[in-house]
C-alpha cells in the first residue's frame, strides 16, 4: 500500500510555514519546467503565485532570489502574468 500523502491547507499557513511552502511550490514548478511538463508547471506556478501574494514584504525578501526571479520574470516570459 502506498504511503499516505499529507495534504497541506494553504489557507491555514502563516509565517515560516508559508515561506517554506512558497519555496517548495516554486522549486516544484521549476522541476516540472525542466521536465518539459508545461501543464503541471503552470498549475504549480499558479499555486506558488497565489501563496507568494500572501507574503509580507519582509517574508518576500526571505524567499531566495533565484526563486523570486524565476517566479516573476522567467516564467512570465513563457506563461504570461499570473491568472
N, C-alpha and C. Protein backbone atom coordinates (compact mmCIF):
# COMPACT_ATOMS: atom_id res chain seq x y z
N UNK A 1 0.84 -1.17 0.00
CA UNK A 1 0.00 0.00 0.00
C UNK A 1 0.89 1.24 0.00
N UNK A 2 0.63 2.21 -0.89
CA UNK A 2 1.46 3.41 -0.94
C UNK A 2 1.29 4.27 0.31
N UNK A 3 2.32 5.03 0.58
CA UNK A 3 2.28 5.93 1.74
C UNK A 3 1.24 7.02 1.51
N UNK A 4 0.61 7.43 2.60
CA UNK A 4 -0.40 8.48 2.51
C UNK A 4 0.29 9.83 2.36
N UNK A 5 -0.26 10.64 1.50
CA UNK A 5 0.26 11.99 1.33
C UNK A 5 -0.45 12.92 2.30
N UNK A 6 0.32 13.74 2.94
CA UNK A 6 -0.26 14.72 3.85
C UNK A 6 -0.62 15.95 3.05
N UNK A 7 -1.89 16.26 3.01
CA UNK A 7 -2.33 17.43 2.28
C UNK A 7 -2.19 18.67 3.16
N UNK A 8 -1.65 19.71 2.56
CA UNK A 8 -1.44 20.96 3.28
C UNK A 8 -2.52 21.94 2.85
N UNK A 9 -3.20 22.51 3.83
CA UNK A 9 -4.21 23.51 3.53
C UNK A 9 -3.52 24.86 3.42
N UNK A 10 -3.40 25.42 2.21
CA UNK A 10 -2.66 26.66 2.04
C UNK A 10 -3.26 27.85 2.79
N UNK A 11 -4.55 27.80 3.09
CA UNK A 11 -5.19 28.91 3.79
C UNK A 11 -4.78 28.96 5.26
N UNK A 12 -4.35 27.83 5.80
CA UNK A 12 -4.00 27.79 7.22
C UNK A 12 -2.52 28.11 7.47
N UNK A 13 -1.73 28.28 6.42
CA UNK A 13 -0.30 28.52 6.58
C UNK A 13 -0.02 29.98 6.94
N UNK A 14 0.92 30.16 7.85
CA UNK A 14 1.37 31.50 8.23
C UNK A 14 2.85 31.44 8.53
N UNK A 15 3.48 32.58 8.52
CA UNK A 15 4.88 32.70 8.93
C UNK A 15 5.84 31.85 8.14
N UNK A 16 6.72 31.17 8.87
CA UNK A 16 7.76 30.35 8.24
C UNK A 16 7.18 29.23 7.39
N UNK A 17 6.06 28.65 7.82
CA UNK A 17 5.44 27.56 7.06
C UNK A 17 4.99 28.05 5.69
N UNK A 18 4.47 29.26 5.64
CA UNK A 18 4.03 29.83 4.36
C UNK A 18 5.24 30.10 3.46
N UNK A 19 6.30 30.62 4.04
CA UNK A 19 7.53 30.85 3.25
C UNK A 19 8.07 29.55 2.68
N UNK A 20 8.11 28.51 3.52
CA UNK A 20 8.61 27.22 3.06
C UNK A 20 7.74 26.64 1.96
N UNK A 21 6.44 26.79 2.08
CA UNK A 21 5.52 26.25 1.07
C UNK A 21 5.68 27.00 -0.26
N UNK A 22 5.89 28.30 -0.21
CA UNK A 22 6.12 29.07 -1.44
C UNK A 22 7.39 28.56 -2.12
N UNK A 23 8.45 28.41 -1.36
CA UNK A 23 9.72 27.92 -1.93
C UNK A 23 9.55 26.53 -2.50
N UNK A 24 8.84 25.67 -1.80
CA UNK A 24 8.63 24.31 -2.27
C UNK A 24 7.86 24.30 -3.59
N UNK A 25 6.81 25.11 -3.66
CA UNK A 25 6.00 25.18 -4.88
C UNK A 25 6.79 25.71 -6.07
N UNK A 26 7.61 26.73 -5.84
CA UNK A 26 8.41 27.29 -6.94
C UNK A 26 9.44 26.26 -7.40
N UNK A 27 10.08 25.59 -6.46
CA UNK A 27 11.05 24.56 -6.85
C UNK A 27 10.37 23.43 -7.62
N UNK A 28 9.19 23.05 -7.20
CA UNK A 28 8.45 22.01 -7.90
C UNK A 28 8.08 22.47 -9.30
N UNK A 29 7.64 23.71 -9.44
CA UNK A 29 7.31 24.25 -10.77
C UNK A 29 8.54 24.27 -11.66
N UNK A 30 9.69 24.64 -11.11
CA UNK A 30 10.92 24.66 -11.90
C UNK A 30 11.32 23.26 -12.35
N UNK A 31 11.13 22.29 -11.48
CA UNK A 31 11.47 20.92 -11.88
C UNK A 31 10.52 20.42 -12.96
N UNK A 32 9.26 20.79 -12.86
CA UNK A 32 8.30 20.43 -13.93
C UNK A 32 8.69 21.11 -15.24
N UNK A 33 9.18 22.36 -15.14
CA UNK A 33 9.61 23.10 -16.31
C UNK A 33 10.79 22.39 -16.99
N UNK A 34 11.75 21.95 -16.16
CA UNK A 34 12.92 21.26 -16.71
C UNK A 34 12.54 19.94 -17.35
N UNK A 35 11.46 19.32 -16.87
CA UNK A 35 10.98 18.06 -17.44
C UNK A 35 10.09 18.27 -18.65
N UNK A 36 9.90 19.52 -19.06
CA UNK A 36 9.04 19.88 -20.21
C UNK A 36 7.59 19.48 -19.99
N UNK A 37 7.16 19.53 -18.74
CA UNK A 37 5.77 19.22 -18.39
C UNK A 37 5.06 20.54 -18.12
N UNK A 38 4.66 21.21 -19.19
CA UNK A 38 4.16 22.58 -19.06
C UNK A 38 2.85 22.70 -18.30
N UNK A 39 1.96 21.74 -18.46
CA UNK A 39 0.68 21.82 -17.76
C UNK A 39 0.89 21.76 -16.25
N UNK A 40 1.70 20.81 -15.80
CA UNK A 40 1.98 20.69 -14.37
C UNK A 40 2.76 21.90 -13.86
N UNK A 41 3.67 22.41 -14.67
CA UNK A 41 4.44 23.59 -14.30
C UNK A 41 3.51 24.79 -14.11
N UNK A 42 2.60 24.98 -15.04
CA UNK A 42 1.67 26.11 -14.95
C UNK A 42 0.80 26.00 -13.70
N UNK A 43 0.35 24.79 -13.38
CA UNK A 43 -0.50 24.59 -12.21
C UNK A 43 0.26 24.92 -10.93
N UNK A 44 1.49 24.42 -10.81
CA UNK A 44 2.29 24.69 -9.61
C UNK A 44 2.66 26.17 -9.52
N UNK A 45 2.96 26.78 -10.66
CA UNK A 45 3.31 28.20 -10.68
C UNK A 45 2.13 29.04 -10.21
N UNK A 46 0.93 28.70 -10.65
CA UNK A 46 -0.27 29.43 -10.24
C UNK A 46 -0.46 29.34 -8.73
N UNK A 47 -0.27 28.15 -8.18
CA UNK A 47 -0.40 27.96 -6.73
C UNK A 47 0.68 28.73 -5.99
N UNK A 48 1.90 28.72 -6.53
CA UNK A 48 3.00 29.43 -5.89
C UNK A 48 2.76 30.93 -5.89
N UNK A 49 2.26 31.46 -6.99
CA UNK A 49 1.99 32.90 -7.05
C UNK A 49 0.89 33.28 -6.06
N UNK A 50 -0.14 32.45 -5.95
CA UNK A 50 -1.22 32.74 -5.01
C UNK A 50 -0.69 32.80 -3.58
N UNK A 51 0.19 31.88 -3.23
CA UNK A 51 0.78 31.90 -1.89
C UNK A 51 1.77 33.05 -1.74
N UNK A 52 2.52 33.34 -2.77
CA UNK A 52 3.51 34.43 -2.73
C UNK A 52 2.83 35.77 -2.48
N UNK A 53 1.66 35.94 -3.04
CA UNK A 53 0.92 37.19 -2.85
C UNK A 53 0.49 37.39 -1.40
N UNK A 54 0.40 36.31 -0.63
CA UNK A 54 0.01 36.41 0.78
C UNK A 54 1.16 36.82 1.69
N UNK A 55 2.40 36.73 1.17
CA UNK A 55 3.57 37.06 1.99
C UNK A 55 3.70 38.56 2.19
N UNK A 56 4.21 38.94 3.35
CA UNK A 56 4.52 40.35 3.59
C UNK A 56 5.82 40.69 2.86
N UNK A 57 6.15 41.95 2.79
CA UNK A 57 7.37 42.35 2.08
C UNK A 57 8.63 41.78 2.75
N UNK A 58 8.62 41.68 4.07
CA UNK A 58 9.77 41.08 4.77
C UNK A 58 9.90 39.60 4.45
N UNK A 59 8.77 38.91 4.42
CA UNK A 59 8.80 37.49 4.09
C UNK A 59 9.23 37.26 2.65
N UNK A 60 8.81 38.14 1.75
CA UNK A 60 9.20 38.00 0.33
C UNK A 60 10.71 38.12 0.18
N UNK A 61 11.33 38.95 1.00
CA UNK A 61 12.78 39.11 0.95
C UNK A 61 13.50 37.84 1.39
N UNK A 62 12.86 37.05 2.24
CA UNK A 62 13.48 35.82 2.72
C UNK A 62 13.36 34.66 1.73
N UNK A 63 12.52 34.80 0.71
CA UNK A 63 12.46 33.80 -0.35
C UNK A 63 13.73 33.97 -1.18
N UNK A 64 14.46 32.89 -1.46
CA UNK A 64 15.72 33.03 -2.21
C UNK A 64 15.51 33.78 -3.53
N UNK A 65 16.48 34.64 -3.84
CA UNK A 65 16.36 35.49 -5.02
C UNK A 65 16.21 34.68 -6.29
N UNK A 66 16.89 33.56 -6.39
CA UNK A 66 16.81 32.71 -7.57
C UNK A 66 15.36 32.26 -7.82
N UNK A 67 14.65 31.94 -6.76
CA UNK A 67 13.26 31.51 -6.90
C UNK A 67 12.35 32.68 -7.25
N UNK A 68 12.61 33.83 -6.63
CA UNK A 68 11.79 35.01 -6.95
C UNK A 68 11.96 35.43 -8.40
N UNK A 69 13.19 35.39 -8.88
CA UNK A 69 13.45 35.78 -10.27
C UNK A 69 12.72 34.83 -11.22
N UNK A 70 12.82 33.54 -10.94
CA UNK A 70 12.15 32.58 -11.83
C UNK A 70 10.64 32.78 -11.79
N UNK A 71 10.10 32.96 -10.62
CA UNK A 71 8.65 33.10 -10.47
C UNK A 71 8.13 34.34 -11.18
N UNK A 72 8.81 35.44 -11.03
CA UNK A 72 8.30 36.71 -11.54
C UNK A 72 8.68 36.99 -12.99
N UNK A 73 9.90 36.69 -13.38
CA UNK A 73 10.36 37.15 -14.69
C UNK A 73 10.49 36.04 -15.71
N UNK A 74 11.24 35.02 -15.37
CA UNK A 74 11.48 33.95 -16.34
C UNK A 74 10.20 33.24 -16.72
N UNK A 75 9.38 32.90 -15.74
CA UNK A 75 8.16 32.17 -16.05
C UNK A 75 7.12 33.07 -16.72
N UNK A 76 7.13 34.38 -16.42
CA UNK A 76 6.20 35.29 -17.09
C UNK A 76 6.47 35.35 -18.59
N UNK A 77 7.73 35.19 -18.95
CA UNK A 77 8.10 35.23 -20.37
C UNK A 77 7.35 34.15 -21.14
N UNK A 78 7.19 32.99 -20.53
CA UNK A 78 6.57 31.86 -21.22
C UNK A 78 5.08 31.71 -20.93
N UNK A 79 4.67 32.02 -19.70
CA UNK A 79 3.29 31.77 -19.31
C UNK A 79 2.47 33.04 -19.19
N UNK A 80 3.07 34.18 -19.29
CA UNK A 80 2.35 35.43 -19.09
C UNK A 80 2.21 35.73 -17.61
N UNK A 81 1.51 36.79 -17.30
CA UNK A 81 1.30 37.15 -15.89
C UNK A 81 0.37 36.15 -15.23
N UNK A 82 0.42 36.09 -13.88
CA UNK A 82 -0.41 35.16 -13.11
C UNK A 82 -1.88 35.34 -13.44
N UNK A 83 -2.58 34.23 -13.57
CA UNK A 83 -4.00 34.29 -13.94
C UNK A 83 -4.88 34.41 -12.74
